[in-house]
Amino acid sequence: MAKVPTSRKATAATPAPTSTKPAVPAKKTVSSETASATPKTKSPVKPAATTADAKTKPTAKAKAAKTAEGTIEERWGKDLTGSGWTAIPNALFVYSQDLGLTSLDIVIILHLAKFWWRKGNDPHPSKKTLAAMIGVNPRTIQRAIAKLEDKQYIKRTKRKSASHGGNTSNSYSFTGLIKAAKPFAKKLRDARDEKAAEYEATSVKPATKPAR
């Protein structure tokens, strides 16, 4: 009986069904050497304010002085205010008669205040300097200042020269005058506030629109 040859297996296998899921890309591994070589970026840190910066910031008093200087400059002009200016309370002028101040007293106070640059440093011009600026003789200045002392408006303090130890120009304090003028200054403030209240009451305010 003839031997039937066995069938050979098909060389071409049936192709396997392809997957519909997209291939996931392999994660890229970074070696420790590469990671350490890569510089780390830091968020910028704002430097803390130094003591010098804090000192340069203007204080409230400095801002107020600058504002006052600006308004004076608007009225008198830059040329005049640039040479310096002196602040005097209005109560000394308005109530000069009530305070018993003569015209010469007011002029002397004005000139003394010109040399009063800051609190705690009383003005100390010589009588000769005051006399030359006002246009009178030093004896007139001496007598007028003595009367202001009798009224306790000015306190005179003797000073010694640091170089030779002898007497030098006196310093003058306005403590008594400031105390005496305070009640009159309050009158001016009260009158100003009353006038402002009257103006506020009589001024026509725009009608407010009804809310929709």
N, C-alpha and C. Protein backbone atom coordinates (compact mmCIF):
# COMPACT_ATOMS: atom_id res chain seq x y z
N MET A 1 0.86 -1.18 0.00
CA MET A 1 0.00 0.00 0.00
C MET A 1 0.89 1.21 0.00
N ALA A 2 0.55 2.10 -0.89
CA ALA A 2 1.43 3.28 -1.02
C ALA A 2 1.28 4.20 0.17
N LYS A 3 2.39 4.78 0.63
CA LYS A 3 2.39 5.69 1.80
C LYS A 3 1.99 7.10 1.35
N VAL A 4 0.94 7.60 1.98
CA VAL A 4 0.45 8.93 1.61
C VAL A 4 1.32 9.99 2.29
N PRO A 5 1.90 10.89 1.56
CA PRO A 5 2.75 11.91 2.18
C PRO A 5 1.95 12.86 3.04
N THR A 6 2.49 13.13 4.24
CA THR A 6 1.80 14.07 5.15
C THR A 6 1.92 15.50 4.64
N SER A 7 0.85 16.26 4.89
CA SER A 7 0.87 17.67 4.41
C SER A 7 1.77 18.52 5.28
N ARG A 8 2.54 19.33 4.61
CA ARG A 8 3.42 20.25 5.35
C ARG A 8 2.63 21.43 5.95
N LYS A 9 3.14 21.84 7.08
CA LYS A 9 2.51 23.01 7.72
C LYS A 9 2.73 24.26 6.88
N ALA A 10 1.71 25.09 6.85
CA ALA A 10 1.84 26.34 6.06
C ALA A 10 2.90 27.23 6.66
N THR A 11 3.76 27.65 5.75
CA THR A 11 4.85 28.54 6.22
C THR A 11 4.36 29.93 6.57
N ALA A 12 3.31 30.31 5.87
CA ALA A 12 2.79 31.68 6.15
C ALA A 12 1.72 31.58 7.19
N ALA A 13 2.03 32.03 8.39
CA ALA A 13 1.04 31.96 9.47
C ALA A 13 0.02 33.07 9.33
N THR A 14 -1.15 32.81 9.86
CA THR A 14 -2.22 33.82 9.82
C THR A 14 -1.81 35.03 10.66
N PRO A 15 -1.82 36.22 10.05
CA PRO A 15 -1.38 37.40 10.81
C PRO A 15 -2.25 37.68 12.02
N ALA A 16 -1.58 38.00 13.15
CA ALA A 16 -2.34 38.29 14.38
C ALA A 16 -3.01 39.65 14.27
N PRO A 17 -4.17 39.76 14.86
CA PRO A 17 -4.89 41.05 14.78
C PRO A 17 -4.11 42.17 15.49
N THR A 18 -4.02 43.29 14.77
CA THR A 18 -3.27 44.45 15.34
C THR A 18 -4.09 45.13 16.41
N SER A 19 -3.38 45.66 17.42
CA SER A 19 -4.07 46.36 18.52
C SER A 19 -4.42 47.78 18.11
N THR A 20 -5.59 48.23 18.51
CA THR A 20 -6.05 49.60 18.18
C THR A 20 -5.52 50.62 19.17
N LYS A 21 -4.92 50.20 20.32
CA LYS A 21 -4.42 51.16 21.31
C LYS A 21 -3.10 51.74 20.83
N PRO A 22 -2.94 53.05 20.96
CA PRO A 22 -1.67 53.66 20.53
C PRO A 22 -0.53 53.23 21.44
N ALA A 23 0.60 53.14 20.83
CA ALA A 23 1.76 52.71 21.60
C ALA A 23 2.16 53.78 22.59
N VAL A 24 2.42 53.37 23.83
CA VAL A 24 2.82 54.31 24.88
C VAL A 24 4.31 54.55 24.78
N PRO A 25 4.72 55.82 24.59
CA PRO A 25 6.16 56.06 24.46
C PRO A 25 6.89 55.73 25.75
N ALA A 26 8.00 55.17 25.59
CA ALA A 26 8.79 54.77 26.75
C ALA A 26 9.30 56.00 27.48
N LYS A 27 9.28 55.93 28.82
CA LYS A 27 9.75 57.05 29.62
C LYS A 27 11.24 57.20 29.47
N LYS A 28 11.63 58.47 29.32
CA LYS A 28 13.04 58.75 29.15
C LYS A 28 13.70 58.83 30.52
N THR A 29 14.64 58.01 30.71
CA THR A 29 15.35 57.99 31.99
C THR A 29 16.54 58.92 31.93
N VAL A 30 16.68 59.66 33.00
CA VAL A 30 17.79 60.59 33.09
C VAL A 30 18.74 60.07 34.13
N SER A 31 19.95 59.98 33.75
CA SER A 31 20.94 59.46 34.68
C SER A 31 21.18 60.46 35.78
N SER A 32 21.66 59.97 36.90
CA SER A 32 21.92 60.85 38.05
C SER A 32 22.98 61.88 37.73
N GLU A 33 23.94 61.52 36.89
CA GLU A 33 24.98 62.47 36.52
C GLU A 33 24.41 63.65 35.74
N THR A 34 23.49 63.32 34.79
CA THR A 34 22.88 64.39 33.99
C THR A 34 22.03 65.29 34.86
N ALA A 35 21.27 64.65 35.80
CA ALA A 35 20.41 65.44 36.66
C ALA A 35 21.21 66.39 37.54
N SER A 36 22.32 65.89 38.05
CA SER A 36 23.12 66.77 38.91
C SER A 36 23.80 67.87 38.13
N ALA A 37 24.08 67.63 36.85
CA ALA A 37 24.74 68.65 36.04
C ALA A 37 23.80 69.76 35.64
N THR A 38 22.48 69.48 35.59
CA THR A 38 21.50 70.48 35.18
C THR A 38 21.30 71.48 36.31
N PRO A 39 21.53 72.77 36.07
CA PRO A 39 21.37 73.75 37.16
C PRO A 39 19.92 73.98 37.50
N LYS A 40 19.63 74.09 38.80
CA LYS A 40 18.27 74.35 39.26
C LYS A 40 18.03 75.84 39.29
N THR A 41 16.92 76.27 38.69
CA THR A 41 16.58 77.69 38.66
C THR A 41 15.80 78.04 39.90
N LYS A 42 16.22 79.09 40.58
CA LYS A 42 15.54 79.55 41.77
C LYS A 42 14.75 80.81 41.46
N SER A 43 13.59 80.92 42.14
CA SER A 43 12.78 82.12 41.94
C SER A 43 13.51 83.30 42.54
N PRO A 44 13.48 84.44 41.85
CA PRO A 44 14.21 85.61 42.35
C PRO A 44 13.69 86.05 43.70
N VAL A 45 14.58 86.28 44.64
CA VAL A 45 14.22 86.70 45.98
C VAL A 45 14.46 88.19 46.11
N LYS A 46 13.44 88.93 46.54
CA LYS A 46 13.55 90.37 46.68
C LYS A 46 14.39 90.68 47.89
N PRO A 47 15.46 91.45 47.72
CA PRO A 47 16.32 91.73 48.87
C PRO A 47 15.62 92.58 49.91
N ALA A 48 15.91 92.29 51.15
CA ALA A 48 15.29 93.04 52.24
C ALA A 48 15.82 94.46 52.25
N ALA A 49 14.95 95.38 52.71
CA ALA A 49 15.34 96.80 52.75
C ALA A 49 16.45 96.98 53.78
N THR A 50 17.47 97.66 53.38
CA THR A 50 18.58 97.91 54.28
C THR A 50 18.29 99.10 55.17
N THR A 51 19.14 99.29 56.17
CA THR A 51 18.96 100.43 57.07
C THR A 51 19.09 101.74 56.33
N ALA A 52 19.98 101.77 55.36
CA ALA A 52 20.16 103.01 54.58
C ALA A 52 18.90 103.35 53.80
N ASP A 53 18.25 102.28 53.23
CA ASP A 53 17.02 102.53 52.49
C ASP A 53 15.94 103.08 53.41
N ALA A 54 15.87 102.52 54.64
CA ALA A 54 14.86 102.98 55.58
C ALA A 54 15.07 104.43 55.96
N LYS A 55 16.33 104.83 56.06
CA LYS A 55 16.61 106.21 56.44
C LYS A 55 16.27 107.19 55.34
N THR A 56 16.35 106.74 54.09
CA THR A 56 16.09 107.66 52.98
C THR A 56 14.60 107.86 52.75
N LYS A 57 13.75 107.01 53.34
CA LYS A 57 12.32 107.19 53.14
C LYS A 57 11.87 108.46 53.85
N PRO A 58 11.12 109.33 53.15
CA PRO A 58 10.71 110.58 53.78
C PRO A 58 9.70 110.35 54.88
N THR A 59 9.86 111.03 55.99
CA THR A 59 8.93 110.93 57.09
C THR A 59 7.71 111.81 56.82
N ALA A 60 6.70 111.66 57.69
CA ALA A 60 5.49 112.45 57.52
C ALA A 60 5.78 113.94 57.69
N LYS A 61 6.68 114.28 58.63
CA LYS A 61 7.02 115.69 58.83
C LYS A 61 7.75 116.25 57.63
N ALA A 62 8.62 115.43 57.03
CA ALA A 62 9.35 115.89 55.85
C ALA A 62 8.40 116.13 54.69
N LYS A 63 7.41 115.24 54.54
CA LYS A 63 6.42 115.41 53.47
C LYS A 63 5.60 116.67 53.70
N ALA A 64 5.22 116.92 54.95
CA ALA A 64 4.42 118.11 55.25
C ALA A 64 5.22 119.38 54.99
N ALA A 65 6.50 119.36 55.37
CA ALA A 65 7.35 120.53 55.12
C ALA A 65 7.52 120.77 53.63
N LYS A 66 7.67 119.69 52.87
CA LYS A 66 7.82 119.83 51.43
C LYS A 66 6.54 120.37 50.79
N THR A 67 5.38 119.91 51.30
CA THR A 67 4.10 120.42 50.79
C THR A 67 3.94 121.90 51.10
N ALA A 68 4.31 122.30 52.33
CA ALA A 68 4.22 123.71 52.71
C ALA A 68 5.13 124.56 51.84
N GLU A 69 6.33 124.05 51.59
CA GLU A 69 7.27 124.80 50.75
C GLU A 69 6.73 124.93 49.33
N GLY A 70 6.03 123.89 48.86
CA GLY A 70 5.47 123.95 47.51
C GLY A 70 4.39 125.00 47.39
N THR A 71 3.50 125.10 48.40
CA THR A 71 2.44 126.10 48.35
C THR A 71 3.00 127.51 48.49
N ILE A 72 4.02 127.68 49.32
CA ILE A 72 4.65 129.01 49.45
C ILE A 72 5.33 129.40 48.15
N GLU A 73 5.94 128.43 47.51
CA GLU A 73 6.61 128.70 46.23
C GLU A 73 5.61 129.13 45.16
N GLU A 74 4.41 128.56 45.20
CA GLU A 74 3.38 128.93 44.22
C GLU A 74 2.98 130.39 44.38
N ARG A 75 3.00 130.89 45.62
CA ARG A 75 2.56 132.26 45.88
C ARG A 75 3.68 133.28 45.70
N TRP A 76 4.85 132.96 46.22
CA TRP A 76 5.94 133.93 46.22
C TRP A 76 6.92 133.74 45.08
N GLY A 77 6.87 132.60 44.44
CA GLY A 77 7.79 132.34 43.34
C GLY A 77 9.02 131.57 43.80
N LYS A 78 9.62 130.86 42.87
CA LYS A 78 10.76 130.00 43.18
C LYS A 78 11.99 130.80 43.57
N ASP A 79 12.17 131.97 42.97
CA ASP A 79 13.36 132.77 43.25
C ASP A 79 13.40 133.22 44.71
N LEU A 80 12.23 133.63 45.24
CA LEU A 80 12.20 134.12 46.62
C LEU A 80 12.24 132.97 47.63
N THR A 81 11.41 131.96 47.41
CA THR A 81 11.38 130.86 48.38
C THR A 81 12.67 130.05 48.35
N GLY A 82 13.37 130.09 47.22
CA GLY A 82 14.63 129.36 47.15
C GLY A 82 15.70 129.94 48.06
N SER A 83 15.54 131.19 48.46
CA SER A 83 16.51 131.82 49.36
C SER A 83 16.19 131.57 50.83
N GLY A 84 15.05 130.89 51.09
CA GLY A 84 14.64 130.59 52.46
C GLY A 84 13.38 131.34 52.84
N TRP A 85 12.65 130.79 53.80
CA TRP A 85 11.43 131.44 54.27
C TRP A 85 11.23 131.12 55.74
N THR A 86 10.40 131.94 56.42
CA THR A 86 10.19 131.83 57.86
C THR A 86 8.71 131.66 58.14
N ALA A 87 8.38 130.68 58.98
CA ALA A 87 6.97 130.41 59.34
C ALA A 87 6.64 131.11 60.66
N ILE A 88 5.58 131.91 60.64
CA ILE A 88 5.13 132.63 61.83
C ILE A 88 3.63 132.38 62.02
N PRO A 89 3.17 132.01 63.21
CA PRO A 89 1.73 131.82 63.43
C PRO A 89 0.95 133.12 63.26
N ASN A 90 -0.21 133.01 62.63
CA ASN A 90 -1.03 134.20 62.37
C ASN A 90 -1.54 134.85 63.65
N ALA A 91 -1.67 134.08 64.72
CA ALA A 91 -2.21 134.63 65.96
C ALA A 91 -1.35 135.78 66.49
N LEU A 92 -0.05 135.75 66.21
CA LEU A 92 0.83 136.82 66.68
C LEU A 92 0.53 138.14 65.97
N PHE A 93 0.07 138.06 64.73
CA PHE A 93 -0.26 139.28 63.98
C PHE A 93 -1.68 139.75 64.28
N VAL A 94 -2.62 138.82 64.22
CA VAL A 94 -4.03 139.18 64.38
C VAL A 94 -4.31 139.72 65.79
N TYR A 95 -3.70 139.11 66.78
CA TYR A 95 -3.94 139.50 68.18
C TYR A 95 -2.72 140.17 68.80
N SER A 96 -1.95 140.88 67.99
CA SER A 96 -0.76 141.56 68.51
C SER A 96 -1.13 142.61 69.57
N GLN A 97 -2.24 143.31 69.37
CA GLN A 97 -2.66 144.33 70.34
C GLN A 97 -3.11 143.68 71.64
N ASP A 98 -3.80 142.56 71.54
CA ASP A 98 -4.24 141.85 72.75
C ASP A 98 -3.04 141.31 73.53
N LEU A 99 -1.99 140.93 72.81
CA LEU A 99 -0.79 140.43 73.45
C LEU A 99 0.13 141.56 73.92
N GLY A 100 -0.20 142.78 73.55
CA GLY A 100 0.62 143.92 73.96
C GLY A 100 1.93 144.01 73.19
N LEU A 101 1.94 143.59 71.93
CA LEU A 101 3.15 143.61 71.11
C LEU A 101 3.15 144.86 70.23
N THR A 102 4.24 145.59 70.27
CA THR A 102 4.39 146.76 69.40
C THR A 102 4.87 146.32 68.02
N SER A 103 4.90 147.28 67.11
CA SER A 103 5.39 146.96 65.76
C SER A 103 6.85 146.51 65.81
N LEU A 104 7.65 147.18 66.67
CA LEU A 104 9.05 146.79 66.80
C LEU A 104 9.17 145.38 67.40
N ASP A 105 8.29 145.05 68.35
CA ASP A 105 8.30 143.71 68.93
C ASP A 105 8.07 142.64 67.85
N ILE A 106 7.09 142.90 66.99
CA ILE A 106 6.77 141.95 65.93
C ILE A 106 7.96 141.78 64.99
N VAL A 107 8.60 142.90 64.65
CA VAL A 107 9.75 142.83 63.74
C VAL A 107 10.90 142.06 64.38
N ILE A 108 11.14 142.29 65.67
CA ILE A 108 12.21 141.57 66.36
C ILE A 108 11.90 140.07 66.41
N ILE A 109 10.64 139.73 66.71
CA ILE A 109 10.24 138.31 66.75
C ILE A 109 10.43 137.67 65.38
N LEU A 110 10.08 138.41 64.33
CA LEU A 110 10.27 137.90 62.96
C LEU A 110 11.74 137.60 62.68
N HIS A 111 12.60 138.51 63.06
CA HIS A 111 14.03 138.33 62.79
C HIS A 111 14.64 137.24 63.67
N LEU A 112 14.17 137.13 64.91
CA LEU A 112 14.65 136.04 65.76
C LEU A 112 14.21 134.69 65.20
N ALA A 113 12.97 134.63 64.73
CA ALA A 113 12.46 133.37 64.16
C ALA A 113 13.21 132.98 62.90
N LYS A 114 13.77 133.96 62.22
CA LYS A 114 14.56 133.67 61.02
C LYS A 114 15.78 132.81 61.36
N PHE A 115 16.28 132.96 62.59
CA PHE A 115 17.44 132.18 63.02
C PHE A 115 17.05 130.93 63.82
N TRP A 116 15.75 130.67 63.94
CA TRP A 116 15.26 129.50 64.70
C TRP A 116 14.99 128.38 63.70
N TRP A 117 15.99 127.54 63.49
CA TRP A 117 15.91 126.55 62.43
C TRP A 117 15.23 125.26 62.85
N ARG A 118 15.35 124.88 64.11
CA ARG A 118 14.70 123.64 64.57
C ARG A 118 14.45 123.72 66.07
N LYS A 119 13.53 122.90 66.53
CA LYS A 119 13.18 122.86 67.95
C LYS A 119 14.37 122.39 68.77
N GLY A 120 14.58 123.03 69.92
CA GLY A 120 15.69 122.66 70.77
C GLY A 120 16.96 123.44 70.49
N ASN A 121 16.96 124.20 69.41
CA ASN A 121 18.12 125.02 69.07
C ASN A 121 17.66 126.47 69.01
N ASP A 122 17.63 127.12 70.17
CA ASP A 122 17.11 128.49 70.25
C ASP A 122 17.96 129.45 69.43
N PRO A 123 17.32 130.45 68.81
CA PRO A 123 18.08 131.42 68.00
C PRO A 123 19.00 132.25 68.88
N HIS A 124 20.15 132.62 68.33
CA HIS A 124 21.10 133.40 69.12
C HIS A 124 21.85 134.43 68.28
N PRO A 125 21.13 135.25 67.49
CA PRO A 125 21.83 136.34 66.78
C PRO A 125 22.23 137.43 67.77
N SER A 126 23.26 138.15 67.44
CA SER A 126 23.69 139.24 68.32
C SER A 126 22.77 140.45 68.14
N LYS A 127 22.76 141.32 69.14
CA LYS A 127 21.95 142.54 69.05
C LYS A 127 22.44 143.42 67.90
N LYS A 128 23.73 143.38 67.65
CA LYS A 128 24.28 144.15 66.54
C LYS A 128 23.75 143.64 65.20
N THR A 129 23.65 142.33 65.06
CA THR A 129 23.10 141.74 63.83
C THR A 129 21.64 142.12 63.65
N LEU A 130 20.85 142.01 64.73
CA LEU A 130 19.43 142.37 64.66
C LEU A 130 19.26 143.85 64.33
N ALA A 131 20.07 144.69 64.94
CA ALA A 131 19.97 146.13 64.70
C ALA A 131 20.28 146.47 63.25
N ALA A 132 21.27 145.81 62.67
CA ALA A 132 21.64 146.09 61.28
C ALA A 132 20.54 145.66 60.32
N MET A 133 19.88 144.55 60.60
CA MET A 133 18.81 144.09 59.71
C MET A 133 17.55 144.94 59.84
N ILE A 134 17.26 145.39 61.05
CA ILE A 134 16.02 146.15 61.27
C ILE A 134 16.21 147.64 60.95
N GLY A 135 17.44 148.14 61.10
CA GLY A 135 17.71 149.54 60.80
C GLY A 135 17.63 150.44 62.01
N VAL A 136 17.96 149.90 63.18
CA VAL A 136 17.98 150.70 64.41
C VAL A 136 19.32 150.47 65.09
N ASN A 137 19.55 151.15 66.21
CA ASN A 137 20.82 150.94 66.92
C ASN A 137 20.68 149.80 67.92
N PRO A 138 21.77 149.18 68.30
CA PRO A 138 21.72 148.03 69.22
C PRO A 138 21.04 148.33 70.55
N ARG A 139 21.16 149.58 71.04
CA ARG A 139 20.50 149.92 72.31
C ARG A 139 18.98 149.81 72.20
N THR A 140 18.42 150.17 71.04
CA THR A 140 16.98 150.03 70.82
C THR A 140 16.58 148.56 70.89
N ILE A 141 17.36 147.69 70.28
CA ILE A 141 17.08 146.26 70.34
C ILE A 141 17.17 145.75 71.77
N GLN A 142 18.16 146.22 72.50
CA GLN A 142 18.35 145.77 73.89
C GLN A 142 17.15 146.15 74.76
N ARG A 143 16.66 147.38 74.61
CA ARG A 143 15.52 147.83 75.41
C ARG A 143 14.25 147.06 75.05
N ALA A 144 14.04 146.82 73.75
CA ALA A 144 12.84 146.11 73.31
C ALA A 144 12.85 144.66 73.82
N ILE A 145 14.01 144.01 73.75
CA ILE A 145 14.10 142.63 74.23
C ILE A 145 13.90 142.57 75.74
N ALA A 146 14.38 143.58 76.46
CA ALA A 146 14.19 143.63 77.92
C ALA A 146 12.70 143.71 78.27
N LYS A 147 11.93 144.48 77.49
CA LYS A 147 10.48 144.58 77.72
C LYS A 147 9.79 143.24 77.42
N LEU A 148 10.22 142.57 76.36
CA LEU A 148 9.66 141.26 76.05
C LEU A 148 9.98 140.24 77.14
N GLU A 149 11.14 140.41 77.76
CA GLU A 149 11.49 139.54 78.90
C GLU A 149 10.60 139.84 80.10
N ASP A 150 10.31 141.12 80.35
CA ASP A 150 9.44 141.50 81.48
C ASP A 150 8.04 140.90 81.32
N LYS A 151 7.59 140.79 80.08
CA LYS A 151 6.28 140.17 79.82
C LYS A 151 6.36 138.64 79.79
N GLN A 152 7.56 138.12 79.97
CA GLN A 152 7.82 136.68 79.96
C GLN A 152 7.49 136.04 78.60
N TYR A 153 7.61 136.83 77.56
CA TYR A 153 7.43 136.31 76.21
C TYR A 153 8.72 135.69 75.67
N ILE A 154 9.84 136.24 76.09
CA ILE A 154 11.15 135.76 75.65
C ILE A 154 12.00 135.48 76.88
N LYS A 155 12.70 134.37 76.83
CA LYS A 155 13.64 134.04 77.90
C LYS A 155 15.05 134.09 77.33
N ARG A 156 15.88 134.93 77.92
CA ARG A 156 17.25 135.10 77.43
C ARG A 156 18.19 134.21 78.24
N THR A 157 19.09 133.54 77.55
CA THR A 157 20.07 132.68 78.20
C THR A 157 21.46 133.09 77.74
N LYS A 158 22.36 133.28 78.70
CA LYS A 158 23.73 133.65 78.36
C LYS A 158 24.48 132.44 77.79
N ARG A 159 25.36 132.74 76.87
CA ARG A 159 26.16 131.69 76.23
C ARG A 159 27.64 132.01 76.35
N LYS A 160 28.43 130.95 76.43
CA LYS A 160 29.89 131.07 76.50
C LYS A 160 30.50 130.60 75.18
N SER A 161 31.57 131.25 74.79
CA SER A 161 32.25 130.84 73.57
C SER A 161 33.05 129.57 73.82
N ALA A 162 32.94 128.62 72.89
CA ALA A 162 33.67 127.36 73.04
C ALA A 162 35.16 127.54 72.80
N SER A 163 35.55 128.60 72.08
CA SER A 163 36.96 128.79 71.73
C SER A 163 37.74 129.51 72.82
N HIS A 164 37.20 130.64 73.31
CA HIS A 164 37.95 131.42 74.30
C HIS A 164 37.27 131.46 75.66
N GLY A 165 36.05 130.91 75.78
CA GLY A 165 35.39 130.83 77.08
C GLY A 165 34.71 132.10 77.54
N GLY A 166 34.81 133.16 76.76
CA GLY A 166 34.16 134.42 77.13
C GLY A 166 32.70 134.43 76.74
N ASN A 167 32.02 135.51 77.11
CA ASN A 167 30.60 135.65 76.77
C ASN A 167 30.43 135.86 75.27
N THR A 168 29.38 135.31 74.74
CA THR A 168 29.03 135.51 73.33
C THR A 168 27.56 135.88 73.25
N SER A 169 26.96 135.86 72.07
CA SER A 169 25.57 136.30 71.91
C SER A 169 24.62 135.41 72.72
N ASN A 170 23.57 136.03 73.25
CA ASN A 170 22.57 135.30 74.04
C ASN A 170 21.67 134.48 73.12
N SER A 171 21.06 133.44 73.69
CA SER A 171 20.03 132.70 72.98
C SER A 171 18.67 133.12 73.53
N TYR A 172 17.63 132.99 72.70
CA TYR A 172 16.29 133.47 73.07
C TYR A 172 15.26 132.36 72.86
N SER A 173 14.49 132.10 73.90
CA SER A 173 13.45 131.08 73.85
C SER A 173 12.09 131.73 73.74
N PHE A 174 11.21 131.15 72.92
CA PHE A 174 9.85 131.68 72.70
C PHE A 174 8.80 130.94 73.54
N THR A 175 9.22 130.18 74.54
CA THR A 175 8.27 129.34 75.29
C THR A 175 7.15 130.17 75.90
N GLY A 176 7.47 131.30 76.50
CA GLY A 176 6.44 132.14 77.12
C GLY A 176 5.48 132.73 76.10
N LEU A 177 6.01 133.17 74.96
CA LEU A 177 5.16 133.75 73.92
C LEU A 177 4.22 132.69 73.34
N ILE A 178 4.71 131.49 73.16
CA ILE A 178 3.87 130.41 72.63
C ILE A 178 2.72 130.10 73.59
N LYS A 179 3.02 130.08 74.87
CA LYS A 179 1.99 129.80 75.88
C LYS A 179 0.95 130.91 75.91
N ALA A 180 1.39 132.16 75.81
CA ALA A 180 0.46 133.29 75.86
C ALA A 180 -0.41 133.38 74.62
N ALA A 181 0.10 132.92 73.47
CA ALA A 181 -0.64 133.05 72.21
C ALA A 181 -1.59 131.89 71.96
N LYS A 182 -1.49 130.81 72.72
CA LYS A 182 -2.33 129.63 72.48
C LYS A 182 -3.83 129.93 72.54
N PRO A 183 -4.33 130.68 73.56
CA PRO A 183 -5.77 130.97 73.59
C PRO A 183 -6.25 131.75 72.37
N PHE A 184 -5.42 132.66 71.86
CA PHE A 184 -5.80 133.44 70.68
C PHE A 184 -5.74 132.57 69.41
N ALA A 185 -4.83 131.65 69.40
CA ALA A 185 -4.78 130.71 68.27
C ALA A 185 -6.04 129.85 68.23
N LYS A 186 -6.55 129.48 69.41
CA LYS A 186 -7.79 128.69 69.47
C LYS A 186 -8.96 129.51 68.93
N LYS A 187 -8.98 130.81 69.22
CA LYS A 187 -10.04 131.67 68.69
C LYS A 187 -10.02 131.67 67.16
N LEU A 188 -8.84 131.76 66.59
CA LEU A 188 -8.73 131.74 65.13
C LEU A 188 -9.20 130.41 64.55
N ARG A 189 -8.83 129.31 65.20
CA ARG A 189 -9.26 127.99 64.71
C ARG A 189 -10.77 127.84 64.80
N ASP A 190 -11.35 128.27 65.93
CA ASP A 190 -12.80 128.16 66.11
C ASP A 190 -13.55 129.01 65.08
N ALA A 191 -13.06 130.21 64.82
CA ALA A 191 -13.69 131.08 63.82
C ALA A 191 -13.59 130.46 62.43
N ARG A 192 -12.45 129.85 62.12
CA ARG A 192 -12.28 129.21 60.82
C ARG A 192 -13.20 128.01 60.67
N ASP A 193 -13.32 127.21 61.73
CA ASP A 193 -14.18 126.03 61.67
C ASP A 193 -15.66 126.42 61.56
N GLU A 194 -16.02 127.51 62.25
CA GLU A 194 -17.41 128.00 62.18
C GLU A 194 -17.74 128.49 60.78
N LYS A 195 -16.81 129.20 60.18
CA LYS A 195 -17.04 129.69 58.82
C LYS A 195 -17.12 128.53 57.83
N ALA A 196 -16.30 127.52 58.03
CA ALA A 196 -16.34 126.36 57.15
C ALA A 196 -17.66 125.61 57.29
N ALA A 197 -18.20 125.54 58.52
CA ALA A 197 -19.49 124.86 58.74
C ALA A 197 -20.62 125.62 58.09
N GLU A 198 -20.57 126.96 58.17
CA GLU A 198 -21.61 127.78 57.53
C GLU A 198 -21.57 127.61 56.02
N TYR A 199 -20.38 127.58 55.47
CA TYR A 199 -20.25 127.40 54.03
C TYR A 199 -20.77 126.04 53.61
N GLU A 200 -20.49 125.02 54.40
CA GLU A 200 -20.96 123.68 54.09
C GLU A 200 -22.48 123.60 54.14
N ALA A 201 -23.08 124.34 55.09
CA ALA A 201 -24.55 124.30 55.23
C ALA A 201 -25.26 125.04 54.12
N THR A 202 -24.67 126.12 53.63
CA THR A 202 -25.33 126.93 52.61
C THR A 202 -24.99 126.51 51.19
N SER A 203 -23.96 125.70 51.03
CA SER A 203 -23.58 125.28 49.68
C SER A 203 -24.62 124.31 49.12
N VAL A 204 -24.91 124.46 47.82
CA VAL A 204 -25.90 123.62 47.14
C VAL A 204 -25.22 122.34 46.70
N LYS A 205 -25.75 121.23 47.20
CA LYS A 205 -25.19 119.93 46.83
C LYS A 205 -25.95 119.35 45.65
N PRO A 206 -25.28 118.72 44.71
CA PRO A 206 -25.97 118.12 43.56
C PRO A 206 -26.89 116.98 43.99
N ALA A 207 -28.07 116.93 43.32
CA ALA A 207 -29.02 115.88 43.67
C ALA A 207 -28.47 114.52 43.27
N THR A 208 -28.68 113.55 44.15
CA THR A 208 -28.19 112.21 43.88
C THR A 208 -29.18 111.48 42.99
N LYS A 209 -28.66 110.75 42.03
CA LYS A 209 -29.52 110.00 41.12
C LYS A 209 -30.07 108.77 41.83
N PRO A 210 -31.39 108.45 41.58
CA PRO A 210 -31.95 107.25 42.23
C PRO A 210 -31.27 105.99 41.71
N ALA A 211 -31.10 105.06 42.60
CA ALA A 211 -30.46 103.79 42.22
C ALA A 211 -31.40 102.99 41.33
N ARG A 212 -30.85 102.43 40.27
CA ARG A 212 -31.66 101.63 39.36
C ARG A 212 -31.72 100.18 39.82
